[in-house]
Amino acid sequence: MPIRMTEKKFKRFKAKKISEKELQIAFVKWFKLNHSKCLIISHPLEATYNRRDLILMGACPGTPDIQIIESNSLYRGLWIEMKVGKNKPSELQLYFMRKLELRGYKTAVCYSLDEAINVVNDYLTPRVMVDII
């Protein structure tokens, strides 16, 4: 059962400085509450395994944090890399995201809950295709 984020809690959450982990948890809670019919997967690579074992198990360094498995009229799916503060995506993350874009996926780097929500809502908003004559 998803935990509901009240408006008061949401405002309090937005005001404090948080870690990438906390940002990702809040985003996943929001997503499951607002888009319960869509599939979302998290790719946390800081598991209890060492880096070598993760790679042998199929983990790909540079993989964005969140994958939304829902196509729209333009893309095959959405991948989101969460960052906070002055953190920036690594060269490996940027390379992986470019590879995803070349395969028809949308990618985004989000620095706040608001930004991630806006990216997802925009992505999931149906587009009307218009023929230009």
C-alpha atoms as a PDB file:
ATOM      1  CA  MET A   1       0.000   0.000   0.000  1.00  0.00           C
ATOM      2  CA  PRO A   2       1.533   3.340  -1.017  1.00  0.00           C
ATOM      3  CA  ILE A   3       2.202   5.958   1.620  1.00  0.00           C
ATOM      4  CA  ARG A   4       0.191   9.094   0.916  1.00  0.00           C
ATOM      5  CA  MET A   5       2.060  12.373   0.856  1.00  0.00           C
ATOM      6  CA  THR A   6      -0.209  15.108   2.159  1.00  0.00           C
ATOM      7  CA  GLU A   7       0.088  18.669   0.873  1.00  0.00           C
ATOM      8  CA  LYS A   8       1.599  19.737   4.203  1.00  0.00           C
ATOM      9  CA  LYS A   9       4.220  16.953   4.112  1.00  0.00           C
ATOM     10  CA  PHE A  10       4.946  17.741   0.457  1.00  0.00           C
ATOM     11  CA  LYS A  11       5.663  21.429   1.254  1.00  0.00           C
ATOM     12  CA  ARG A  12       7.849  20.460   4.231  1.00  0.00           C
ATOM     13  CA  PHE A  13       9.710  17.945   2.069  1.00  0.00           C
ATOM     14  CA  LYS A  14      10.375  20.533  -0.644  1.00  0.00           C
ATOM     15  CA  ALA A  15      11.838  23.007   1.855  1.00  0.00           C
ATOM     16  CA  LYS A  16      14.576  20.802   3.323  1.00  0.00           C
ATOM     17  CA  LYS A  17      17.848  19.679   1.785  1.00  0.00           C
ATOM     18  CA  ILE A  18      17.715  16.002   0.983  1.00  0.00           C
ATOM     19  CA  SER A  19      19.925  13.237  -0.336  1.00  0.00           C
ATOM     20  CA  GLU A  20      19.527  11.624  -3.753  1.00  0.00           C
ATOM     21  CA  LYS A  21      18.193   8.544  -1.975  1.00  0.00           C
ATOM     22  CA  GLU A  22      15.477  10.564  -0.202  1.00  0.00           C
ATOM     23  CA  LEU A  23      14.612  12.373  -3.439  1.00  0.00           C
ATOM     24  CA  GLN A  24      14.270   9.090  -5.296  1.00  0.00           C
ATOM     25  CA  ILE A  25      12.116   7.538  -2.549  1.00  0.00           C
ATOM     26  CA  ALA A  26       9.802  10.573  -2.509  1.00  0.00           C
ATOM     27  CA  PHE A  27       9.542  10.517  -6.307  1.00  0.00           C
ATOM     28  CA  VAL A  28       8.695   6.802  -6.432  1.00  0.00           C
ATOM     29  CA  LYS A  29       6.012   7.294  -3.754  1.00  0.00           C
ATOM     30  CA  TRP A  30       4.529  10.192  -5.729  1.00  0.00           C
ATOM     31  CA  PHE A  31       4.684   8.216  -8.984  1.00  0.00           C
ATOM     32  CA  LYS A  32       2.956   5.134  -7.559  1.00  0.00           C
ATOM     33  CA  LEU A  33       0.266   7.317  -6.041  1.00  0.00           C
ATOM     34  CA  ASN A  34      -0.399   9.318  -9.218  1.00  0.00           C
ATOM     35  CA  HIS A  35       0.406   6.849 -12.011  1.00  0.00           C
ATOM     36  CA  SER A  36      -0.439   3.500 -10.460  1.00  0.00           C
ATOM     37  CA  LYS A  37      -1.126   1.810 -13.808  1.00  0.00           C
ATOM     38  CA  CYS A  38       2.341   2.613 -15.186  1.00  0.00           C
ATOM     39  CA  LEU A  39       5.415   0.498 -14.529  1.00  0.00           C
ATOM     40  CA  ILE A  40       8.416   2.026 -12.781  1.00  0.00           C
ATOM     41  CA  ILE A  41      11.748   0.386 -11.991  1.00  0.00           C
ATOM     42  CA  SER A  42      14.601   1.677  -9.892  1.00  0.00           C
ATOM     43  CA  HIS A  43      18.199   0.757 -10.667  1.00  0.00           C
ATOM     44  CA  PRO A  44      20.071   1.247  -7.379  1.00  0.00           C
ATOM     45  CA  LEU A  45      23.619   0.075  -7.966  1.00  0.00           C
ATOM     46  CA  GLU A  46      24.817   0.752  -4.425  1.00  0.00           C
ATOM     47  CA  ALA A  47      23.525  -2.621  -3.277  1.00  0.00           C
ATOM     48  CA  THR A  48      25.357  -4.919  -0.892  1.00  0.00           C
ATOM     49  CA  TYR A  49      27.277  -6.443  -3.811  1.00  0.00           C
ATOM     50  CA  ASN A  50      30.696  -5.228  -4.863  1.00  0.00           C
ATOM     51  CA  ARG A  51      31.112  -3.478  -8.222  1.00  0.00           C
ATOM     52  CA  ARG A  52      32.651  -6.526  -9.945  1.00  0.00           C
ATOM     53  CA  ASP A  53      29.784  -8.793  -8.884  1.00  0.00           C
ATOM     54  CA  LEU A  54      27.202  -6.218  -9.978  1.00  0.00           C
ATOM     55  CA  ILE A  55      28.761  -6.045 -13.450  1.00  0.00           C
ATOM     56  CA  LEU A  56      28.949  -9.849 -13.683  1.00  0.00           C
ATOM     57  CA  MET A  57      25.247  -9.950 -12.694  1.00  0.00           C
ATOM     58  CA  GLY A  58      24.391  -7.649 -15.617  1.00  0.00           C
ATOM     59  CA  ALA A  59      24.372  -4.215 -13.976  1.00  0.00           C
ATOM     60  CA  CYS A  60      25.559  -1.444 -16.287  1.00  0.00           C
ATOM     61  CA  PRO A  61      27.560   1.403 -14.760  1.00  0.00           C
ATOM     62  CA  GLY A  62      26.018   4.715 -15.777  1.00  0.00           C
ATOM     63  CA  THR A  63      22.438   3.424 -15.817  1.00  0.00           C
ATOM     64  CA  PRO A  64      19.985   6.186 -14.823  1.00  0.00           C
ATOM     65  CA  ASP A  65      18.242   5.754 -11.460  1.00  0.00           C
ATOM     66  CA  ILE A  66      14.643   5.379 -12.658  1.00  0.00           C
ATOM     67  CA  GLN A  67      13.042   3.692 -15.644  1.00  0.00           C
ATOM     68  CA  ILE A  68       9.411   4.327 -16.579  1.00  0.00           C
ATOM     69  CA  ILE A  69       8.234   1.534 -18.840  1.00  0.00           C
ATOM     70  CA  GLU A  70       5.523   3.370 -20.698  1.00  0.00           C
ATOM     71  CA  SER A  71       5.807   4.447 -24.316  1.00  0.00           C
ATOM     72  CA  ASN A  72       4.195   7.577 -25.698  1.00  0.00           C
ATOM     73  CA  SER A  73       3.739   8.905 -29.225  1.00  0.00           C
ATOM     74  CA  LEU A  74       7.391  10.002 -29.387  1.00  0.00           C
ATOM     75  CA  TYR A  75       9.444   7.685 -27.170  1.00  0.00           C
ATOM     76  CA  ARG A  76       9.743   4.048 -26.112  1.00  0.00           C
ATOM     77  CA  GLY A  77      10.114   4.914 -22.415  1.00  0.00           C
ATOM     78  CA  LEU A  78      11.548   7.421 -19.942  1.00  0.00           C
ATOM     79  CA  TRP A  79      14.772   7.176 -17.942  1.00  0.00           C
ATOM     80  CA  ILE A  80      15.497   9.663 -15.131  1.00  0.00           C
ATOM     81  CA  GLU A  81      18.766  10.344 -13.345  1.00  0.00           C
ATOM     82  CA  MET A  82      18.207  12.003  -9.953  1.00  0.00           C
ATOM     83  CA  LYS A  83      20.729  14.537  -8.654  1.00  0.00           C
ATOM     84  CA  VAL A  84      20.744  16.999  -5.755  1.00  0.00           C
ATOM     85  CA  GLY A  85      22.628  20.185  -5.061  1.00  0.00           C
ATOM     86  CA  LYS A  86      25.619  20.768  -7.316  1.00  0.00           C
ATOM     87  CA  ASN A  87      25.988  17.107  -8.287  1.00  0.00           C
ATOM     88  CA  LYS A  88      26.227  16.500 -12.021  1.00  0.00           C
ATOM     89  CA  PRO A  89      25.909  13.332 -14.089  1.00  0.00           C
ATOM     90  CA  SER A  90      29.211  11.554 -14.669  1.00  0.00           C
ATOM     91  CA  GLU A  91      30.647  11.157 -18.164  1.00  0.00           C
ATOM     92  CA  LEU A  92      29.601   7.504 -18.031  1.00  0.00           C
ATOM     93  CA  GLN A  93      26.028   8.464 -17.109  1.00  0.00           C
ATOM     94  CA  LEU A  94      25.867  11.013 -19.936  1.00  0.00           C
ATOM     95  CA  TYR A  95      27.233   8.401 -22.361  1.00  0.00           C
ATOM     96  CA  PHE A  96      24.651   5.813 -21.247  1.00  0.00           C
ATOM     97  CA  MET A  97      21.833   8.355 -21.536  1.00  0.00           C
ATOM     98  CA  ARG A  98      22.939   9.281 -25.066  1.00  0.00           C
ATOM     99  CA  LYS A  99      22.878   5.569 -26.004  1.00  0.00           C
ATOM    100  CA  LEU A 100      19.312   5.353 -24.656  1.00  0.00           C
ATOM    101  CA  GLU A 101      18.269   8.421 -26.679  1.00  0.00           C
ATOM    102  CA  LEU A 102      19.704   6.868 -29.847  1.00  0.00           C
ATOM    103  CA  ARG A 103      17.477   3.843 -29.164  1.00  0.00           C
ATOM    104  CA  GLY A 104      14.318   5.950 -28.928  1.00  0.00           C
ATOM    105  CA  TYR A 105      14.081   6.637 -25.190  1.00  0.00           C
ATOM    106  CA  LYS A 106      13.637   9.998 -23.490  1.00  0.00           C
ATOM    107  CA  THR A 107      16.132  10.805 -20.756  1.00  0.00           C
ATOM    108  CA  ALA A 108      16.200  13.521 -18.116  1.00  0.00           C
ATOM    109  CA  VAL A 109      18.357  14.657 -15.227  1.00  0.00           C
ATOM    110  CA  CYS A 110      16.195  15.992 -12.386  1.00  0.00           C
ATOM    111  CA  TYR A 111      17.419  18.025  -9.409  1.00  0.00           C
ATOM    112  CA  SER A 112      14.169  18.247  -7.455  1.00  0.00           C
ATOM    113  CA  LEU A 113      10.890  16.476  -6.851  1.00  0.00           C
ATOM    114  CA  ASP A 114       9.035  19.251  -8.710  1.00  0.00           C
ATOM    115  CA  GLU A 115      11.279  18.883 -11.735  1.00  0.00           C
ATOM    116  CA  ALA A 116      10.852  15.085 -11.835  1.00  0.00           C
ATOM    117  CA  ILE A 117       7.072  15.433 -11.470  1.00  0.00           C
ATOM    118  CA  ASN A 118       6.962  17.951 -14.330  1.00  0.00           C
ATOM    119  CA  VAL A 119       9.107  15.711 -16.569  1.00  0.00           C
ATOM    120  CA  VAL A 120       6.848  12.695 -15.941  1.00  0.00           C
ATOM    121  CA  ASN A 121       3.575  14.589 -16.306  1.00  0.00           C
ATOM    122  CA  ASP A 122       4.792  16.152 -19.553  1.00  0.00           C
ATOM    123  CA  TYR A 123       5.993  12.763 -20.814  1.00  0.00           C
ATOM    124  CA  LEU A 124       2.711  11.013 -19.994  1.00  0.00           C
ATOM    125  CA  THR A 125       0.486  13.775 -21.424  1.00  0.00           C
ATOM    126  CA  PRO A 126      -1.026  12.489 -24.684  1.00  0.00           C
ATOM    127  CA  ARG A 127       0.230  14.285 -27.778  1.00  0.00           C
ATOM    128  CA  VAL A 128      -1.937  15.054 -30.771  1.00  0.00           C
ATOM    129  CA  MET A 129      -0.089  14.486 -34.022  1.00  0.00           C
ATOM    130  CA  VAL A 130      -0.916  17.137 -36.612  1.00  0.00           C
ATOM    131  CA  ASP A 131      -0.098  16.809 -40.299  1.00  0.00           C
ATOM    132  CA  ILE A 132       1.551  19.914 -41.687  1.00  0.00           C
ATOM    133  CA  ILE A 133       0.405  20.628 -45.216  1.00  0.00           C
END
